[in-house]
Amino acid sequence: MIRPEDLNIRLIDQRIGMGISGWDTVVRILHVPSGIWVEVPRVTSSKYYDREIAMQMIESALTHPKFEQ
């Protein structure tokens, strides 16, 4: 279980180079203790669901670390 106080969640509403007009919404989540962060561009029309997708991605990154050789 990820502790909410370990997360820095930001909705970035203006970002150059995304979307038809060059601006779009991006959800960025940083897990402060590990330094792992994920960034999800607008996937759905709901910021809530985009945030949930980002939360699933950060959970996956923390529970299934990439195999290193």
Protein backbone atom coordinates (compact mmCIF):
# COMPACT_ATOMS: atom_id res chain seq x y z
CA MET A 1 0.00 0.00 0.00
CA ILE A 2 1.34 3.38 -0.99
CA ARG A 3 1.08 6.07 1.64
CA PRO A 4 -0.60 9.24 0.30
CA GLU A 5 1.91 11.47 2.10
CA ASP A 6 4.71 9.88 0.01
CA LEU A 7 3.13 11.09 -3.25
CA ASN A 8 3.37 14.44 -4.98
CA ILE A 9 0.45 14.58 -7.46
CA ARG A 10 0.21 17.41 -9.97
CA LEU A 11 -2.22 18.19 -12.75
CA ILE A 12 -0.40 20.23 -15.33
CA ASP A 13 -2.95 21.99 -17.50
CA GLN A 14 -0.67 23.73 -19.94
CA ARG A 15 2.08 21.95 -21.75
CA ILE A 16 3.52 22.79 -25.13
CA GLY A 17 3.40 20.20 -27.89
CA MET A 18 0.40 18.13 -26.83
CA GLY A 19 -3.16 18.20 -28.06
CA ILE A 20 -4.61 19.87 -31.10
CA SER A 21 -4.00 23.41 -29.91
CA GLY A 22 -0.61 22.63 -28.37
CA TRP A 23 -1.97 22.58 -24.81
CA ASP A 24 -3.37 19.67 -22.87
CA THR A 25 -3.69 18.18 -19.39
CA VAL A 26 -1.00 15.92 -17.97
CA VAL A 27 -1.08 14.03 -14.66
CA ARG A 28 2.33 13.68 -13.01
CA ILE A 29 2.88 11.62 -9.85
CA LEU A 30 6.18 11.51 -7.97
CA HIS A 31 6.84 8.89 -5.28
CA VAL A 32 9.14 10.98 -3.11
CA PRO A 33 10.99 8.22 -1.15
CA SER A 34 12.04 6.29 -4.28
CA GLY A 35 12.24 9.16 -6.77
CA ILE A 36 10.08 7.23 -9.25
CA TRP A 37 7.65 9.35 -11.25
CA VAL A 38 5.07 8.72 -13.93
CA GLU A 39 3.47 11.12 -16.34
CA VAL A 40 0.18 10.37 -18.09
CA PRO A 41 -1.20 12.57 -20.86
CA ARG A 42 -4.94 12.96 -21.25
CA VAL A 43 -6.28 9.45 -21.84
CA THR A 44 -9.93 10.01 -21.01
CA SER A 45 -12.15 13.07 -20.81
CA SER A 46 -12.03 12.88 -17.01
CA LYS A 47 -9.11 14.12 -14.91
CA TYR A 48 -10.25 11.75 -12.16
CA TYR A 49 -9.83 8.66 -14.36
CA ASP A 50 -6.54 9.94 -15.78
CA ARG A 51 -5.31 10.30 -12.18
CA GLU A 52 -6.44 6.73 -11.43
CA ILE A 53 -4.49 5.45 -14.45
CA ALA A 54 -1.40 7.29 -13.19
CA MET A 55 -1.89 5.81 -9.70
CA GLN A 56 -2.06 2.30 -11.19
CA MET A 57 1.14 2.98 -13.12
CA ILE A 58 3.04 4.20 -10.05
CA GLU A 59 1.83 1.20 -8.03
CA SER A 60 3.01 -1.12 -10.78
CA ALA A 61 6.40 0.61 -10.96
CA LEU A 62 6.87 0.27 -7.19
CA THR A 63 5.67 -3.32 -6.82
CA HIS A 64 7.23 -4.75 -10.00
CA PRO A 65 10.63 -3.09 -10.43
CA LYS A 66 12.34 -3.46 -13.77
CA PHE A 67 14.64 -6.45 -13.97
CA GLU A 68 18.28 -5.33 -14.15
CA GLN A 69 21.21 -7.46 -15.32
